[in-house]
Amino acid sequence: MTENNCALVSFPSTHHAIAGEKLAKTNDIENARLIPLPPQISAGCGLVLKIDAEELENVLTILSKENILYEDVFLVQEKENVKTYTKQDIKK
């Protein structure tokens, strides 16, 4: 997974973050993993689920079906070694 082609999903609690990662992995979402919240953004519990950007819709559907709460979604783009985090307007 490259940084410029990923999405980050934040959660209101560590419990939801861990459950979200487990669900992503059991639903064969490749490269899904929890990482510390990047310092450039402030959201959630301090952990975010990092996934391939093309898996975003699928992951959000899985989380919603299983009643796993998430807060914000960010797309990550990298240009000339500078990462940009763009918050997405996602309807829950």
PDB file of N, CA and C in Angstrom:
ATOM      1  N   MET A   1       0.858  -1.176   0.000  1.00  0.00           N
ATOM      2  CA  MET A   1       0.000   0.000   0.000  1.00  0.00           C
ATOM      3  C   MET A   1       0.896   1.227   0.000  1.00  0.00           C
ATOM      4  N   THR A   2       0.618   2.143  -0.859  1.00  0.00           N
ATOM      5  CA  THR A   2       1.371   3.385  -0.865  1.00  0.00           C
ATOM      6  C   THR A   2       0.597   4.438  -0.096  1.00  0.00           C
ATOM      7  N   GLU A   3       1.316   5.344   0.516  1.00  0.00           N
ATOM      8  CA  GLU A   3       0.680   6.369   1.341  1.00  0.00           C
ATOM      9  C   GLU A   3      -0.264   7.258   0.539  1.00  0.00           C
ATOM     10  N   ASN A   4       0.025   7.478  -0.730  1.00  0.00           N
ATOM     11  CA  ASN A   4      -0.813   8.390  -1.504  1.00  0.00           C
ATOM     12  C   ASN A   4      -2.054   7.707  -2.063  1.00  0.00           C
ATOM     13  N   ASN A   5      -2.295   6.511  -1.638  1.00  0.00           N
ATOM     14  CA  ASN A   5      -3.476   5.796  -2.110  1.00  0.00           C
ATOM     15  C   ASN A   5      -4.128   5.082  -0.936  1.00  0.00           C
ATOM     16  N   CYS A   6      -4.260   5.819   0.185  1.00  0.00           N
ATOM     17  CA  CYS A   6      -4.854   5.174   1.351  1.00  0.00           C
ATOM     18  C   CYS A   6      -5.886   6.088   1.988  1.00  0.00           C
ATOM     19  N   ALA A   7      -6.660   5.466   2.847  1.00  0.00           N
ATOM     20  CA  ALA A   7      -7.655   6.195   3.627  1.00  0.00           C
ATOM     21  C   ALA A   7      -7.444   5.837   5.084  1.00  0.00           C
ATOM     22  N   LEU A   8      -7.805   6.770   5.958  1.00  0.00           N
ATOM     23  CA  LEU A   8      -7.719   6.562   7.398  1.00  0.00           C
ATOM     24  C   LEU A   8      -9.111   6.732   7.986  1.00  0.00           C
ATOM     25  N   VAL A   9      -9.499   5.793   8.824  1.00  0.00           N
ATOM     26  CA  VAL A   9     -10.801   5.847   9.485  1.00  0.00           C
ATOM     27  C   VAL A   9     -10.540   5.975  10.981  1.00  0.00           C
ATOM     28  N   SER A  10     -11.080   7.043  11.595  1.00  0.00           N
ATOM     29  CA  SER A  10     -10.892   7.231  13.035  1.00  0.00           C
ATOM     30  C   SER A  10     -12.114   6.722  13.794  1.00  0.00           C
ATOM     31  N   PHE A  11     -11.893   6.419  15.060  1.00  0.00           N
ATOM     32  CA  PHE A  11     -12.922   5.812  15.905  1.00  0.00           C
ATOM     33  C   PHE A  11     -13.052   6.580  17.215  1.00  0.00           C
ATOM     34  N   PRO A  12     -14.230   6.507  17.850  1.00  0.00           N
ATOM     35  CA  PRO A  12     -14.425   7.226  19.116  1.00  0.00           C
ATOM     36  C   PRO A  12     -13.756   6.548  20.310  1.00  0.00           C
ATOM     37  N   SER A  13     -13.380   5.271  20.160  1.00  0.00           N
ATOM     38  CA  SER A  13     -12.748   4.559  21.268  1.00  0.00           C
ATOM     39  C   SER A  13     -11.821   3.479  20.739  1.00  0.00           C
ATOM     40  N   THR A  14     -10.904   3.063  21.589  1.00  0.00           N
ATOM     41  CA  THR A  14      -9.990   1.982  21.229  1.00  0.00           C
ATOM     42  C   THR A  14     -10.762   0.701  20.967  1.00  0.00           C
ATOM     43  N   HIS A  15     -11.808   0.470  21.746  1.00  0.00           N
ATOM     44  CA  HIS A  15     -12.650  -0.718  21.557  1.00  0.00           C
ATOM     45  C   HIS A  15     -13.178  -0.787  20.122  1.00  0.00           C
ATOM     46  N   HIS A  16     -13.733   0.324  19.621  1.00  0.00           N
ATOM     47  CA  HIS A  16     -14.266   0.341  18.257  1.00  0.00           C
ATOM     48  C   HIS A  16     -13.146   0.199  17.222  1.00  0.00           C
ATOM     49  N   ALA A  17     -11.993   0.799  17.491  1.00  0.00           N
ATOM     50  CA  ALA A  17     -10.866   0.700  16.558  1.00  0.00           C
ATOM     51  C   ALA A  17     -10.413  -0.750  16.401  1.00  0.00           C
ATOM     52  N   ILE A  18     -10.262  -1.454  17.527  1.00  0.00           N
ATOM     53  CA  ILE A  18      -9.821  -2.845  17.476  1.00  0.00           C
ATOM     54  C   ILE A  18     -10.869  -3.724  16.798  1.00  0.00           C
ATOM     55  N   ALA A  19     -12.138  -3.493  17.119  1.00  0.00           N
ATOM     56  CA  ALA A  19     -13.218  -4.254  16.476  1.00  0.00           C
ATOM     57  C   ALA A  19     -13.258  -3.970  14.977  1.00  0.00           C
ATOM     58  N   GLY A  20     -13.023  -2.717  14.586  1.00  0.00           N
ATOM     59  CA  GLY A  20     -13.006  -2.358  13.165  1.00  0.00           C
ATOM     60  C   GLY A  20     -11.890  -3.054  12.410  1.00  0.00           C
ATOM     61  N   GLU A  21     -10.711  -3.103  13.009  1.00  0.00           N
ATOM     62  CA  GLU A  21      -9.596  -3.790  12.365  1.00  0.00           C
ATOM     63  C   GLU A  21      -9.901  -5.282  12.229  1.00  0.00           C
ATOM     64  N   LYS A  22     -10.424  -5.880  13.269  1.00  0.00           N
ATOM     65  CA  LYS A  22     -10.746  -7.311  13.238  1.00  0.00           C
ATOM     66  C   LYS A  22     -11.767  -7.608  12.139  1.00  0.00           C
ATOM     67  N   LEU A  23     -12.811  -6.785  12.049  1.00  0.00           N
ATOM     68  CA  LEU A  23     -13.829  -6.983  11.003  1.00  0.00           C
ATOM     69  C   LEU A  23     -13.235  -6.839   9.610  1.00  0.00           C
ATOM     70  N   ALA A  24     -12.393  -5.827   9.429  1.00  0.00           N
ATOM     71  CA  ALA A  24     -11.770  -5.629   8.112  1.00  0.00           C
ATOM     72  C   ALA A  24     -10.963  -6.864   7.718  1.00  0.00           C
ATOM     73  N   LYS A  25     -10.205  -7.383   8.655  1.00  0.00           N
ATOM     74  CA  LYS A  25      -9.374  -8.550   8.348  1.00  0.00           C
ATOM     75  C   LYS A  25     -10.210  -9.802   8.102  1.00  0.00           C
ATOM     76  N   THR A  26     -11.283  -9.997   8.877  1.00  0.00           N
ATOM     77  CA  THR A  26     -12.110 -11.185   8.657  1.00  0.00           C
ATOM     78  C   THR A  26     -12.928 -11.081   7.374  1.00  0.00           C
ATOM     79  N   ASN A  27     -13.044  -9.873   6.826  1.00  0.00           N
ATOM     80  CA  ASN A  27     -13.741  -9.680   5.553  1.00  0.00           C
ATOM     81  C   ASN A  27     -12.755  -9.522   4.402  1.00  0.00           C
ATOM     82  N   ASP A  28     -11.532  -9.997   4.616  1.00  0.00           N
ATOM     83  CA  ASP A  28     -10.496 -10.043   3.570  1.00  0.00           C
ATOM     84  C   ASP A  28     -10.130  -8.685   2.990  1.00  0.00           C
ATOM     85  N   ILE A  29     -10.132  -7.653   3.829  1.00  0.00           N
ATOM     86  CA  ILE A  29      -9.641  -6.345   3.392  1.00  0.00           C
ATOM     87  C   ILE A  29      -8.122  -6.379   3.553  1.00  0.00           C
ATOM     88  N   GLU A  30      -7.434  -6.480   2.434  1.00  0.00           N
ATOM     89  CA  GLU A  30      -5.977  -6.578   2.479  1.00  0.00           C
ATOM     90  C   GLU A  30      -5.372  -5.277   2.977  1.00  0.00           C
ATOM     91  N   ASN A  31      -4.273  -5.392   3.673  1.00  0.00           N
ATOM     92  CA  ASN A  31      -3.494  -4.250   4.170  1.00  0.00           C
ATOM     93  C   ASN A  31      -4.172  -3.436   5.261  1.00  0.00           C
ATOM     94  N   ALA A  32      -5.316  -3.864   5.758  1.00  0.00           N
ATOM     95  CA  ALA A  32      -5.975  -3.121   6.834  1.00  0.00           C
ATOM     96  C   ALA A  32      -5.171  -3.286   8.120  1.00  0.00           C
ATOM     97  N   ARG A  33      -4.855  -2.151   8.752  1.00  0.00           N
ATOM     98  CA  ARG A  33      -4.137  -2.230  10.023  1.00  0.00           C
ATOM     99  C   ARG A  33      -4.330  -0.945  10.822  1.00  0.00           C
ATOM    100  N   LEU A  34      -4.261  -1.092  12.129  1.00  0.00           N
ATOM    101  CA  LEU A  34      -4.348   0.070  13.003  1.00  0.00           C
ATOM    102  C   LEU A  34      -2.985   0.732  13.088  1.00  0.00           C
ATOM    103  N   ILE A  35      -2.992   2.069  13.027  1.00  0.00           N
ATOM    104  CA  ILE A  35      -1.767   2.846  13.185  1.00  0.00           C
ATOM    105  C   ILE A  35      -2.073   4.007  14.129  1.00  0.00           C
ATOM    106  N   PRO A  36      -1.042   4.596  14.724  1.00  0.00           N
ATOM    107  CA  PRO A  36      -1.273   5.783  15.550  1.00  0.00           C
ATOM    108  C   PRO A  36      -1.808   6.934  14.696  1.00  0.00           C
ATOM    109  N   LEU A  37      -2.640   7.738  15.297  1.00  0.00           N
ATOM    110  CA  LEU A  37      -3.195   8.909  14.619  1.00  0.00           C
ATOM    111  C   LEU A  37      -2.063   9.836  14.208  1.00  0.00           C
ATOM    112  N   PRO A  38      -1.965  10.191  12.921  1.00  0.00           N
ATOM    113  CA  PRO A  38      -0.921  11.127  12.502  1.00  0.00           C
ATOM    114  C   PRO A  38      -1.097  12.475  13.211  1.00  0.00           C
ATOM    115  N   PRO A  39      -0.007  13.129  13.565  1.00  0.00           N
ATOM    116  CA  PRO A  39      -0.113  14.392  14.308  1.00  0.00           C
ATOM    117  C   PRO A  39      -0.775  15.525  13.517  1.00  0.00           C
ATOM    118  N   GLN A  40      -0.858  15.394  12.204  1.00  0.00           N
ATOM    119  CA  GLN A  40      -1.460  16.437  11.374  1.00  0.00           C
ATOM    120  C   GLN A  40      -2.982  16.489  11.497  1.00  0.00           C
ATOM    121  N   ILE A  41      -3.575  15.457  12.056  1.00  0.00           N
ATOM    122  CA  ILE A  41      -5.028  15.453  12.208  1.00  0.00           C
ATOM    123  C   ILE A  41      -5.377  15.164  13.664  1.00  0.00           C
ATOM    124  N   SER A  42      -6.516  15.650  14.063  1.00  0.00           N
ATOM    125  CA  SER A  42      -6.967  15.347  15.423  1.00  0.00           C
ATOM    126  C   SER A  42      -8.364  14.757  15.316  1.00  0.00           C
ATOM    127  N   ALA A  43      -8.471  13.542  15.798  1.00  0.00           N
ATOM    128  CA  ALA A  43      -9.755  12.854  15.742  1.00  0.00           C
ATOM    129  C   ALA A  43      -9.681  11.613  16.600  1.00  0.00           C
ATOM    130  N   GLY A  44     -10.796  11.237  17.133  1.00  0.00           N
ATOM    131  CA  GLY A  44     -10.951   9.931  17.744  1.00  0.00           C
ATOM    132  C   GLY A  44     -10.062   9.613  18.915  1.00  0.00           C
ATOM    133  N   CYS A  45      -9.753   8.334  19.013  1.00  0.00           N
ATOM    134  CA  CYS A  45      -9.107   7.758  20.195  1.00  0.00           C
ATOM    135  C   CYS A  45      -7.589   7.711  20.101  1.00  0.00           C
ATOM    136  N   GLY A  46      -7.016   8.176  19.021  1.00  0.00           N
ATOM    137  CA  GLY A  46      -5.572   8.107  18.867  1.00  0.00           C
ATOM    138  C   GLY A  46      -5.112   6.997  17.941  1.00  0.00           C
ATOM    139  N   LEU A  47      -6.056   6.178  17.494  1.00  0.00           N
ATOM    140  CA  LEU A  47      -5.760   5.122  16.518  1.00  0.00           C
ATOM    141  C   LEU A  47      -6.639   5.316  15.296  1.00  0.00           C
ATOM    142  N   VAL A  48      -6.115   4.971  14.139  1.00  0.00           N
ATOM    143  CA  VAL A  48      -6.905   4.998  12.907  1.00  0.00           C
ATOM    144  C   VAL A  48      -6.691   3.681  12.170  1.00  0.00           C
ATOM    145  N   LEU A  49      -7.703   3.282  11.431  1.00  0.00           N
ATOM    146  CA  LEU A  49      -7.602   2.110  10.575  1.00  0.00           C
ATOM    147  C   LEU A  49      -7.121   2.584   9.216  1.00  0.00           C
ATOM    148  N   LYS A  50      -5.969   2.093   8.815  1.00  0.00           N
ATOM    149  CA  LYS A  50      -5.390   2.458   7.521  1.00  0.00           C
ATOM    150  C   LYS A  50      -5.764   1.386   6.514  1.00  0.00           C
ATOM    151  N   ILE A  51      -6.362   1.811   5.402  1.00  0.00           N
ATOM    152  CA  ILE A  51      -6.804   0.880   4.365  1.00  0.00           C
ATOM    153  C   ILE A  51      -6.472   1.452   2.998  1.00  0.00           C
ATOM    154  N   ASP A  52      -6.489   0.597   1.993  1.00  0.00           N
ATOM    155  CA  ASP A  52      -6.359   1.081   0.618  1.00  0.00           C
ATOM    156  C   ASP A  52      -7.579   1.938   0.305  1.00  0.00           C
ATOM    157  N   ALA A  53      -7.384   3.040  -0.375  1.00  0.00           N
ATOM    158  CA  ALA A  53      -8.481   3.974  -0.662  1.00  0.00           C
ATOM    159  C   ALA A  53      -9.618   3.304  -1.421  1.00  0.00           C
ATOM    160  N   GLU A  54      -9.303   2.368  -2.306  1.00  0.00           N
ATOM    161  CA  GLU A  54     -10.356   1.724  -3.090  1.00  0.00           C
ATOM    162  C   GLU A  54     -11.227   0.790  -2.244  1.00  0.00           C
ATOM    163  N   GLU A  55     -10.797   0.486  -1.028  1.00  0.00           N
ATOM    164  CA  GLU A  55     -11.580  -0.357  -0.121  1.00  0.00           C
ATOM    165  C   GLU A  55     -12.482   0.454   0.811  1.00  0.00           C
ATOM    166  N   LEU A  56     -12.418   1.776   0.735  1.00  0.00           N
ATOM    167  CA  LEU A  56     -13.107   2.627   1.700  1.00  0.00           C
ATOM    168  C   LEU A  56     -14.606   2.358   1.783  1.00  0.00           C
ATOM    169  N   GLU A  57     -15.300   2.376   0.674  1.00  0.00           N
ATOM    170  CA  GLU A  57     -16.747   2.178   0.684  1.00  0.00           C
ATOM    171  C   GLU A  57     -17.107   0.816   1.291  1.00  0.00           C
ATOM    172  N   ASN A  58     -16.377  -0.210   0.896  1.00  0.00           N
ATOM    173  CA  ASN A  58     -16.611  -1.549   1.416  1.00  0.00           C
ATOM    174  C   ASN A  58     -16.406  -1.602   2.933  1.00  0.00           C
ATOM    175  N   VAL A  59     -15.332  -1.012   3.421  1.00  0.00           N
ATOM    176  CA  VAL A  59     -15.037  -1.021   4.857  1.00  0.00           C
ATOM    177  C   VAL A  59     -16.114  -0.262   5.635  1.00  0.00           C
ATOM    178  N   LEU A  60     -16.530   0.892   5.158  1.00  0.00           N
ATOM    179  CA  LEU A  60     -17.556   1.658   5.858  1.00  0.00           C
ATOM    180  C   LEU A  60     -18.885   0.896   5.906  1.00  0.00           C
ATOM    181  N   THR A  61     -19.191   0.166   4.844  1.00  0.00           N
ATOM    182  CA  THR A  61     -20.401  -0.663   4.825  1.00  0.00           C
ATOM    183  C   THR A  61     -20.305  -1.768   5.872  1.00  0.00           C
ATOM    184  N   ILE A  62     -19.167  -2.420   5.950  1.00  0.00           N
ATOM    185  CA  ILE A  62     -18.950  -3.488   6.929  1.00  0.00           C
ATOM    186  C   ILE A  62     -19.078  -2.936   8.349  1.00  0.00           C
ATOM    187  N   LEU A  63     -18.444  -1.805   8.616  1.00  0.00           N
ATOM    188  CA  LEU A  63     -18.505  -1.211   9.956  1.00  0.00           C
ATOM    189  C   LEU A  63     -19.941  -0.862  10.331  1.00  0.00           C
ATOM    190  N   SER A  64     -20.668  -0.268   9.399  1.00  0.00           N
ATOM    191  CA  SER A  64     -22.058   0.123   9.672  1.00  0.00           C
ATOM    192  C   SER A  64     -22.940  -1.092   9.943  1.00  0.00           C
ATOM    193  N   LYS A  65     -22.790  -2.140   9.140  1.00  0.00           N
ATOM    194  CA  LYS A  65     -23.599  -3.350   9.321  1.00  0.00           C
ATOM    195  C   LYS A  65     -23.373  -3.990  10.685  1.00  0.00           C
ATOM    196  N   GLU A  66     -22.159  -3.873  11.200  1.00  0.00           N
ATOM    197  CA  GLU A  66     -21.806  -4.508  12.470  1.00  0.00           C
ATOM    198  C   GLU A  66     -21.885  -3.518  13.647  1.00  0.00           C
ATOM    199  N   ASN A  67     -22.444  -2.336  13.387  1.00  0.00           N
ATOM    200  CA  ASN A  67     -22.623  -1.315  14.432  1.00  0.00           C
ATOM    201  C   ASN A  67     -21.316  -0.890  15.099  1.00  0.00           C
ATOM    202  N   ILE A  68     -20.249  -0.836  14.322  1.00  0.00           N
ATOM    203  CA  ILE A  68     -18.974  -0.320  14.813  1.00  0.00           C
ATOM    204  C   ILE A  68     -18.939   1.171  14.497  1.00  0.00           C
ATOM    205  N   LEU A  69     -18.857   1.973  15.544  1.00  0.00           N
ATOM    206  CA  LEU A  69     -18.868   3.422  15.363  1.00  0.00           C
ATOM    207  C   LEU A  69     -17.520   3.909  14.851  1.00  0.00           C
ATOM    208  N   TYR A  70     -17.566   4.802  13.881  1.00  0.00           N
ATOM    209  CA  TYR A  70     -16.363   5.483  13.414  1.00  0.00           C
ATOM    210  C   TYR A  70     -16.673   6.971  13.385  1.00  0.00           C
ATOM    211  N   GLU A  71     -15.631   7.784  13.424  1.00  0.00           N
ATOM    212  CA  GLU A  71     -15.840   9.224  13.486  1.00  0.00           C
ATOM    213  C   GLU A  71     -15.584   9.920  12.153  1.00  0.00           C
ATOM    214  N   ASP A  72     -14.336   9.901  11.740  1.00  0.00           N
ATOM    215  CA  ASP A  72     -13.954  10.644  10.545  1.00  0.00           C
ATOM    216  C   ASP A  72     -13.209   9.751   9.574  1.00  0.00           C
ATOM    217  N   VAL A  73     -13.196  10.200   8.324  1.00  0.00           N
ATOM    218  CA  VAL A  73     -12.471   9.504   7.262  1.00  0.00           C
ATOM    219  C   VAL A  73     -11.590  10.537   6.572  1.00  0.00           C
ATOM    220  N   PHE A  74     -10.337  10.166   6.369  1.00  0.00           N
ATOM    221  CA  PHE A  74      -9.379  11.040   5.709  1.00  0.00           C
ATOM    222  C   PHE A  74      -8.748  10.305   4.531  1.00  0.00           C
ATOM    223  N   LEU A  75      -8.595  10.999   3.413  1.00  0.00           N
ATOM    224  CA  LEU A  75      -7.809  10.470   2.303  1.00  0.00           C
ATOM    225  C   LEU A  75      -6.416  11.067   2.419  1.00  0.00           C
ATOM    226  N   VAL A  76      -5.410  10.245   2.155  1.00  0.00           N
ATOM    227  CA  VAL A  76      -4.024  10.672   2.279  1.00  0.00           C
ATOM    228  C   VAL A  76      -3.413  10.752   0.890  1.00  0.00           C
ATOM    229  N   GLN A  77      -2.817  11.901   0.609  1.00  0.00           N
ATOM    230  CA  GLN A  77      -2.107  12.088  -0.664  1.00  0.00           C
ATOM    231  C   GLN A  77      -0.697  12.553  -0.341  1.00  0.00           C
ATOM    232  N   GLU A  78       0.249  12.086  -1.126  1.00  0.00           N
ATOM    233  CA  GLU A  78       1.637  12.494  -0.922  1.00  0.00           C
ATOM    234  C   GLU A  78       2.191  13.081  -2.211  1.00  0.00           C
ATOM    235  N   LYS A  79       2.761  14.258  -2.083  1.00  0.00           N
ATOM    236  CA  LYS A  79       3.372  14.933  -3.232  1.00  0.00           C
ATOM    237  C   LYS A  79       4.666  15.561  -2.748  1.00  0.00           C
ATOM    238  N   GLU A  80       5.755  15.222  -3.414  1.00  0.00           N
ATOM    239  CA  GLU A  80       7.076  15.731  -3.068  1.00  0.00           C
ATOM    240  C   GLU A  80       7.370  15.529  -1.579  1.00  0.00           C
ATOM    241  N   ASN A  81       7.100  14.326  -1.097  1.00  0.00           N
ATOM    242  CA  ASN A  81       7.348  13.920   0.284  1.00  0.00           C
ATOM    243  C   ASN A  81       6.554  14.699   1.330  1.00  0.00           C
ATOM    244  N   VAL A  82       5.479  15.356   0.916  1.00  0.00           N
ATOM    245  CA  VAL A  82       4.593  16.054   1.848  1.00  0.00           C
ATOM    246  C   VAL A  82       3.229  15.369   1.794  1.00  0.00           C
ATOM    247  N   LYS A  83       2.765  14.908   2.948  1.00  0.00           N
ATOM    248  CA  LYS A  83       1.475  14.230   3.016  1.00  0.00           C
ATOM    249  C   LYS A  83       0.376  15.241   3.308  1.00  0.00           C
ATOM    250  N   THR A  84      -0.733  15.081   2.595  1.00  0.00           N
ATOM    251  CA  THR A  84      -1.899  15.905   2.790  1.00  0.00           C
ATOM    252  C   THR A  84      -3.052  15.001   3.237  1.00  0.00           C
ATOM    253  N   TYR A  85      -3.711  15.394   4.307  1.00  0.00           N
ATOM    254  CA  TYR A  85      -4.833  14.631   4.855  1.00  0.00           C
ATOM    255  C   TYR A  85      -6.106  15.424   4.598  1.00  0.00           C
ATOM    256  N   THR A  86      -7.008  14.861   3.803  1.00  0.00           N
ATOM    257  CA  THR A  86      -8.241  15.536   3.441  1.00  0.00           C
ATOM    258  C   THR A  86      -9.413  14.821   4.090  1.00  0.00           C
ATOM    259  N   LYS A  87     -10.093  15.546   4.990  1.00  0.00           N
ATOM    260  CA  LYS A  87     -11.260  14.966   5.656  1.00  0.00           C
ATOM    261  C   LYS A  87     -12.394  14.839   4.653  1.00  0.00           C
ATOM    262  N   GLN A  88     -13.017  13.670   4.659  1.00  0.00           N
ATOM    263  CA  GLN A  88     -14.115  13.388   3.727  1.00  0.00           C
ATOM    264  C   GLN A  88     -15.464  13.637   4.387  1.00  0.00           C
ATOM    265  N   ASP A  89     -16.398  14.112   3.619  1.00  0.00           N
ATOM    266  CA  ASP A  89     -17.752  14.327   4.120  1.00  0.00           C
ATOM    267  C   ASP A  89     -18.533  13.031   3.878  1.00  0.00           C
ATOM    268  N   ILE A  90     -18.518  12.166   4.879  1.00  0.00           N
ATOM    269  CA  ILE A  90     -19.142  10.848   4.770  1.00  0.00           C
ATOM    270  C   ILE A  90     -20.434  10.859   5.572  1.00  0.00           C
ATOM    271  N   LYS A  91     -21.519  10.457   4.932  1.00  0.00           N
ATOM    272  CA  LYS A  91     -22.788  10.342   5.626  1.00  0.00           C
ATOM    273  C   LYS A  91     -22.852   8.970   6.289  1.00  0.00           C
ATOM    274  N   LYS A  92     -23.089   8.962   7.583  1.00  0.00           N
ATOM    275  CA  LYS A  92     -23.130   7.700   8.336  1.00  0.00           C
ATOM    276  C   LYS A  92     -24.521   7.149   8.416  1.00  0.00           C
TER     277      LYS A  92
END
